[in-house]
Amino acid sequence: MTVSEMSVADKDAGPYGIAAGPDNALWLTFAHSGRIARLTPDGELDAYPLESPECRPTVITPGPDGALWFTRSQDHRIGRITTDGETDSFPVLTPGSGPFGITAGPDDAMWFTEMNSDRIGRITSTGEITEFVLPCTGACPSAITAGPDGALWFTLNQANAIGRITVHGDIVIHPLPTPSAAPVGITSDGDALWFVEIAAGQIGRISVEGAIKEFPLPDRAAKPHAIVAISTGACWFTEWGANSIGRITGSGEITEYRLPSPSSEPHGIALGPDGALWAALETGGVARLEP
């Protein structure tokens, strides 16, 4: 495995989320400077300032309309950017909602979490928003992904659980076996859902029936943050506390790769158009892992 790094911003910009776009480029959020960036695999970079430098763009993902959609957790809006760099944004219905995770749903809409208001949101390509109230308070819904069963699955960071919501708004909550595990990132490998437990130092797997299995990391203080599946039973994740990128197989075998720069704060991770793994480093760079 070859691990390299590339600088994309100064240390105050805060690269956070990363996603592969439909244009064979990578798209990043600069959380601290209110910008979205486009990065080609060969290093060509373009940055697009948002209308509010303090809006804190966080998670970004491709939508069914060919644009990239992202959450703005500080000014409580959902953002959209075309591959040509044209931006728009839509206010979330609940004030102070703190949107964070976002994913494309099976219904040609985008689904997102509201950390501060215990809600899951849905937004159409024209900006029409619907909200669904969770059956718990103070849960801090975080990341969200489309599952293999046609539903949306999400982490409940403070409720220590994994949630499932159908496109009709039916919600089921699955408590985690480990107390105070604080799940964050979640992904689907096409068969089951995989998630990270940032406070427990574990990777979890939940079947669509709700069966949960947890895999402890070698360093329980590694603080796993984001996770992406590249095939069934093969996931990659960032370790914010250990300055590493990890890989886990379906059987629970874990391999870790240290990043070249110390304390680089890896957050979002995505499979790039070049077949390599790319991670956003909050200190101002991106990491590339080539098998």
Protein backbone atom coordinates (compact mmCIF):
# COMPACT_ATOMS: atom_id res chain seq x y z
CA MET A 1 0.00 0.00 0.00
CA THR A 2 1.41 3.36 -1.07
CA VAL A 3 0.40 6.30 1.15
CA SER A 4 0.97 9.89 0.01
CA GLU A 5 -0.29 13.35 0.95
CA MET A 6 -1.12 16.49 -1.00
CA SER A 7 -1.67 20.00 0.34
CA VAL A 8 -4.98 21.56 -0.76
CA ALA A 9 -5.40 24.48 1.66
CA ASP A 10 -3.83 26.29 4.55
CA LYS A 11 -4.22 24.84 8.02
CA ASP A 12 -7.09 27.21 8.84
CA ALA A 13 -9.35 26.00 5.99
CA GLY A 14 -10.17 22.65 7.57
CA PRO A 15 -10.76 20.05 4.81
CA TYR A 16 -13.44 17.83 6.32
CA GLY A 17 -15.77 15.95 3.95
CA ILE A 18 -14.76 14.30 0.67
CA ALA A 19 -16.71 12.56 -2.09
CA ALA A 20 -16.19 11.38 -5.65
CA GLY A 21 -18.26 13.39 -8.10
CA PRO A 22 -19.78 12.35 -11.44
CA ASP A 23 -17.07 14.36 -13.22
CA ASN A 24 -14.14 12.07 -12.26
CA ALA A 25 -12.99 14.52 -9.61
CA LEU A 26 -13.01 14.64 -5.81
CA TRP A 27 -15.07 17.24 -3.99
CA LEU A 28 -14.17 18.54 -0.53
CA THR A 29 -15.70 20.74 2.12
CA PHE A 30 -13.47 23.31 3.81
CA ALA A 31 -15.31 23.49 7.11
CA HIS A 32 -13.47 26.44 8.64
CA SER A 33 -13.36 28.74 5.62
CA GLY A 34 -16.79 28.14 4.05
CA ARG A 35 -15.61 26.79 0.72
CA ILE A 36 -16.16 23.79 -1.53
CA ALA A 37 -13.19 22.50 -3.52
CA ARG A 38 -12.82 20.33 -6.61
CA LEU A 39 -9.67 18.22 -6.87
CA THR A 40 -8.66 16.07 -9.81
CA PRO A 41 -6.62 12.92 -9.11
CA ASP A 42 -3.58 14.56 -10.74
CA GLY A 43 -3.76 17.51 -8.33
CA GLU A 44 -5.65 20.27 -10.17
CA LEU A 45 -7.59 22.25 -7.55
CA ASP A 46 -10.45 24.76 -7.82
CA ALA A 47 -12.14 26.31 -4.77
CA TYR A 48 -15.60 27.88 -4.66
CA PRO A 49 -16.44 30.25 -1.78
CA LEU A 50 -19.92 30.02 -0.30
CA GLU A 51 -21.94 33.12 0.50
CA SER A 52 -21.24 32.70 4.23
CA PRO A 53 -17.64 31.95 5.30
CA GLU A 54 -18.97 30.81 8.70
CA CYS A 55 -21.56 28.34 7.35
CA ARG A 56 -19.31 25.32 8.19
CA PRO A 57 -19.85 22.89 5.28
CA THR A 58 -19.33 19.37 6.57
CA VAL A 59 -20.41 16.18 4.79
CA ILE A 60 -20.65 16.15 0.96
CA THR A 61 -22.05 13.50 -1.38
CA PRO A 62 -23.20 13.16 -5.01
CA GLY A 63 -26.91 13.49 -5.73
CA PRO A 64 -29.15 11.85 -8.35
CA ASP A 65 -29.31 15.16 -10.25
CA GLY A 66 -25.59 15.16 -11.14
CA ALA A 67 -24.73 17.81 -8.53
CA LEU A 68 -22.98 17.54 -5.16
CA TRP A 69 -25.01 18.11 -2.02
CA PHE A 70 -23.61 19.05 1.38
CA THR A 71 -24.68 20.07 4.86
CA ARG A 72 -23.96 23.49 6.41
CA SER A 73 -24.03 22.80 10.12
CA GLN A 74 -23.39 26.34 11.35
CA ASP A 75 -26.08 28.25 9.42
CA HIS A 76 -28.44 25.24 9.25
CA ARG A 77 -28.81 24.94 5.49
CA ILE A 78 -28.44 22.25 2.84
CA GLY A 79 -26.06 23.24 0.06
CA ARG A 80 -25.85 22.20 -3.57
CA ILE A 81 -23.03 22.73 -6.07
CA THR A 82 -22.95 21.76 -9.73
CA THR A 83 -19.82 20.36 -11.34
CA ASP A 84 -19.42 23.81 -12.95
CA GLY A 85 -19.21 25.43 -9.51
CA GLU A 86 -22.66 27.02 -9.31
CA THR A 87 -23.96 26.97 -5.74
CA ASP A 88 -27.33 27.19 -4.03
CA SER A 89 -28.61 26.49 -0.54
CA PHE A 90 -31.88 25.79 1.25
CA PRO A 91 -32.78 26.55 4.90
CA VAL A 92 -33.74 23.58 7.06
CA LEU A 93 -37.25 23.93 8.49
CA THR A 94 -36.30 23.60 12.16
CA PRO A 95 -34.21 26.55 13.46
CA GLY A 96 -30.80 25.62 14.87
CA SER A 97 -31.07 22.08 13.53
CA GLY A 98 -27.35 21.50 12.87
CA PRO A 99 -27.48 19.31 9.73
CA PHE A 100 -24.50 16.99 9.43
CA GLY A 101 -24.75 13.70 7.51
CA ILE A 102 -26.27 13.53 4.02
CA THR A 103 -26.82 10.81 1.43
CA ALA A 104 -28.80 10.10 -1.73
CA GLY A 105 -31.89 8.03 -1.03
CA PRO A 106 -33.60 5.39 -3.17
CA ASP A 107 -36.40 7.87 -3.94
CA ASP A 108 -34.35 10.41 -5.95
CA ALA A 109 -34.16 12.72 -2.92
CA MET A 110 -31.39 13.57 -0.47
CA TRP A 111 -31.69 12.53 3.17
CA PHE A 112 -29.84 14.26 6.02
CA THR A 113 -29.49 14.25 9.78
CA GLU A 114 -30.20 17.12 12.16
CA MET A 115 -27.80 16.82 15.11
CA ASN A 116 -29.46 19.41 17.33
CA SER A 117 -33.14 18.72 16.76
CA ASP A 118 -33.48 14.89 16.77
CA ARG A 119 -34.82 14.81 13.23
CA ILE A 120 -34.10 13.20 9.89
CA GLY A 121 -34.67 15.45 6.89
CA ARG A 122 -35.49 14.81 3.24
CA ILE A 123 -34.90 17.35 0.48
CA THR A 124 -35.92 17.10 -3.17
CA SER A 125 -33.87 18.38 -6.10
CA THR A 126 -36.00 21.54 -6.08
CA GLY A 127 -35.35 22.22 -2.38
CA GLU A 128 -38.61 20.99 -0.83
CA ILE A 129 -37.86 19.73 2.69
CA THR A 130 -39.72 17.26 4.91
CA GLU A 131 -38.68 16.38 8.45
CA PHE A 132 -39.25 13.24 10.53
CA VAL A 133 -39.04 13.42 14.32
CA LEU A 134 -37.07 10.66 16.05
CA PRO A 135 -38.58 8.80 19.03
CA CYS A 136 -35.76 9.98 21.33
CA THR A 137 -34.31 13.25 22.56
CA GLY A 138 -30.70 14.38 22.75
CA ALA A 139 -29.77 11.57 20.36
CA CYS A 140 -27.50 13.60 18.04
CA PRO A 141 -28.16 11.83 14.71
CA SER A 142 -24.87 12.01 12.82
CA ALA A 143 -23.98 10.14 9.62
CA ILE A 144 -26.56 8.58 7.27
CA THR A 145 -26.41 6.18 4.32
CA ALA A 146 -28.75 4.31 2.00
CA GLY A 147 -29.05 0.67 2.99
CA PRO A 148 -29.36 -2.45 0.83
CA ASP A 149 -32.97 -2.85 1.97
CA GLY A 150 -34.32 0.37 0.45
CA ALA A 151 -34.26 2.24 3.77
CA LEU A 152 -31.93 4.89 5.23
CA TRP A 153 -29.64 3.98 8.12
CA PHE A 154 -28.05 6.47 10.51
CA THR A 155 -25.97 6.72 13.64
CA LEU A 156 -27.27 8.18 16.90
CA ASN A 157 -24.10 9.46 18.51
CA GLN A 158 -25.51 10.34 21.94
CA ALA A 159 -28.27 7.71 22.06
CA ASN A 160 -25.67 4.97 21.45
CA ALA A 161 -27.73 3.37 18.71
CA ILE A 162 -28.23 2.81 15.00
CA GLY A 163 -31.46 4.02 13.43
CA ARG A 164 -33.40 2.96 10.35
CA ILE A 165 -36.00 5.05 8.53
CA THR A 166 -38.04 4.08 5.51
CA VAL A 167 -38.86 6.53 2.74
CA HIS A 168 -42.33 6.73 4.30
CA GLY A 169 -40.94 7.81 7.67
CA ASP A 170 -41.21 4.59 9.68
CA ILE A 171 -38.39 4.53 12.25
CA VAL A 172 -36.72 1.70 14.19
CA ILE A 173 -33.91 2.17 16.72
CA HIS A 174 -31.27 -0.51 17.43
CA PRO A 175 -29.29 0.04 20.69
CA LEU A 176 -25.58 -0.85 20.62
CA PRO A 177 -24.15 -3.54 22.93
CA THR A 178 -21.24 -1.35 24.08
CA PRO A 179 -22.23 1.51 26.40
CA SER A 180 -21.25 5.06 25.38
CA ALA A 181 -19.74 3.91 22.07
CA ALA A 182 -20.73 7.18 20.31
CA PRO A 183 -21.20 5.95 16.70
CA VAL A 184 -20.44 8.44 13.91
CA GLY A 185 -19.71 7.27 10.35
CA ILE A 186 -21.83 4.64 8.61
CA THR A 187 -21.75 2.94 5.19
CA SER A 188 -23.39 0.09 3.30
CA ASP A 189 -21.40 -2.66 1.61
CA GLY A 190 -24.46 -3.85 -0.32
CA ASP A 191 -25.25 -6.56 2.21
CA ALA A 192 -25.04 -5.00 5.68
CA LEU A 193 -24.25 -1.67 7.34
CA TRP A 194 -20.84 -0.86 8.83
CA PHE A 195 -20.25 1.94 11.33
CA VAL A 196 -17.55 3.36 13.58
CA GLU A 197 -17.69 3.82 17.34
CA ILE A 198 -15.49 6.85 18.00
CA ALA A 199 -15.57 6.64 21.80
CA ALA A 200 -15.20 2.85 22.08
CA GLY A 201 -12.51 2.38 19.42
CA GLN A 202 -14.51 -0.23 17.55
CA ILE A 203 -15.97 -0.97 14.12
CA GLY A 204 -19.52 -2.26 14.10
CA ARG A 205 -21.61 -4.25 11.62
CA ILE A 206 -25.41 -4.40 11.65
CA SER A 207 -27.49 -6.62 9.41
CA VAL A 208 -30.72 -5.35 7.87
CA GLU A 209 -32.49 -7.54 10.46
CA GLY A 210 -30.73 -5.64 13.27
CA ALA A 211 -28.08 -8.16 14.37
CA ILE A 212 -24.99 -6.28 15.60
CA LYS A 213 -21.37 -7.41 15.82
CA GLU A 214 -18.50 -5.25 17.06
CA PHE A 215 -14.79 -5.46 16.28
CA PRO A 216 -12.32 -3.77 18.66
CA LEU A 217 -9.45 -1.84 17.08
CA PRO A 218 -5.85 -2.57 18.13
CA ASP A 219 -5.75 0.94 19.62
CA ARG A 220 -9.01 1.60 21.44
CA ALA A 221 -8.12 5.31 21.57
CA ALA A 222 -7.85 5.56 17.76
CA LYS A 223 -11.14 7.51 17.47
CA PRO A 224 -12.49 6.11 14.18
CA HIS A 225 -14.50 8.79 12.44
CA ALA A 226 -15.68 8.09 8.87
CA ILE A 227 -16.06 4.83 6.95
CA VAL A 228 -16.60 3.79 3.34
CA ALA A 229 -17.28 0.37 1.81
CA ILE A 230 -15.56 -0.47 -1.46
CA SER A 231 -17.03 -3.97 -1.81
CA THR A 232 -19.02 -6.46 0.24
CA GLY A 233 -17.17 -7.04 3.49
CA ALA A 234 -14.36 -4.58 2.72
CA CYS A 235 -14.42 -1.18 4.41
CA TRP A 236 -11.91 1.61 4.95
CA PHE A 237 -12.08 4.11 7.79
CA THR A 238 -10.25 7.10 9.23
CA GLU A 239 -8.67 7.03 12.67
CA TRP A 240 -8.64 10.60 13.88
CA GLY A 241 -6.90 9.83 17.16
CA ALA A 242 -4.27 7.47 15.72
CA ASN A 243 -3.41 9.49 12.57
CA SER A 244 -4.09 6.41 10.46
CA ILE A 245 -6.34 4.87 7.83
CA GLY A 246 -7.75 1.46 8.65
CA ARG A 247 -9.19 -1.42 6.64
CA ILE A 248 -11.54 -4.11 7.94
CA THR A 249 -12.65 -7.30 6.20
CA GLY A 250 -15.96 -9.08 6.58
CA SER A 251 -14.39 -11.46 9.08
CA GLY A 252 -13.10 -8.59 11.21
CA GLU A 253 -9.44 -8.62 10.17
CA ILE A 254 -8.03 -5.11 10.64
CA THR A 255 -5.03 -3.50 8.93
CA GLU A 256 -3.86 0.04 9.67
CA TYR A 257 -1.69 2.48 7.67
CA ARG A 258 -0.01 5.44 9.31
CA LEU A 259 -0.22 8.81 7.59
CA PRO A 260 3.05 10.62 6.76
CA SER A 261 2.28 13.89 8.55
CA PRO A 262 1.81 13.73 12.34
CA SER A 263 -1.52 14.83 13.82
CA SER A 264 -3.07 15.40 10.38
CA GLU A 265 -6.64 14.85 11.68
CA PRO A 266 -8.16 12.54 9.03
CA HIS A 267 -11.91 12.88 8.73
CA GLY A 268 -13.90 12.09 5.57
CA ILE A 269 -12.90 9.20 3.29
CA ALA A 270 -13.99 8.19 -0.21
CA LEU A 271 -13.11 5.87 -3.06
CA GLY A 272 -11.72 8.07 -5.82
CA PRO A 273 -12.26 7.85 -9.57
CA ASP A 274 -8.71 6.50 -9.89
CA GLY A 275 -9.43 3.46 -7.70
CA ALA A 276 -7.46 4.83 -4.75
CA LEU A 277 -8.75 5.77 -1.29
CA TRP A 278 -8.74 9.48 -0.48
CA ALA A 279 -9.11 11.06 2.96
CA ALA A 280 -9.60 14.70 3.94
CA LEU A 281 -7.06 15.95 6.48
CA GLU A 282 -8.33 18.83 8.58
CA THR A 283 -4.85 20.29 8.88
CA GLY A 284 -4.97 21.27 5.18
CA GLY A 285 -4.33 18.26 2.98
CA VAL A 286 -5.63 15.04 1.52
CA ALA A 287 -4.18 11.57 1.84
CA ARG A 288 -4.16 9.05 -0.99
CA LEU A 289 -3.82 5.30 -0.45
CA GLU A 290 -3.14 3.24 -3.54
CA PRO A 291 -3.43 -0.55 -3.28
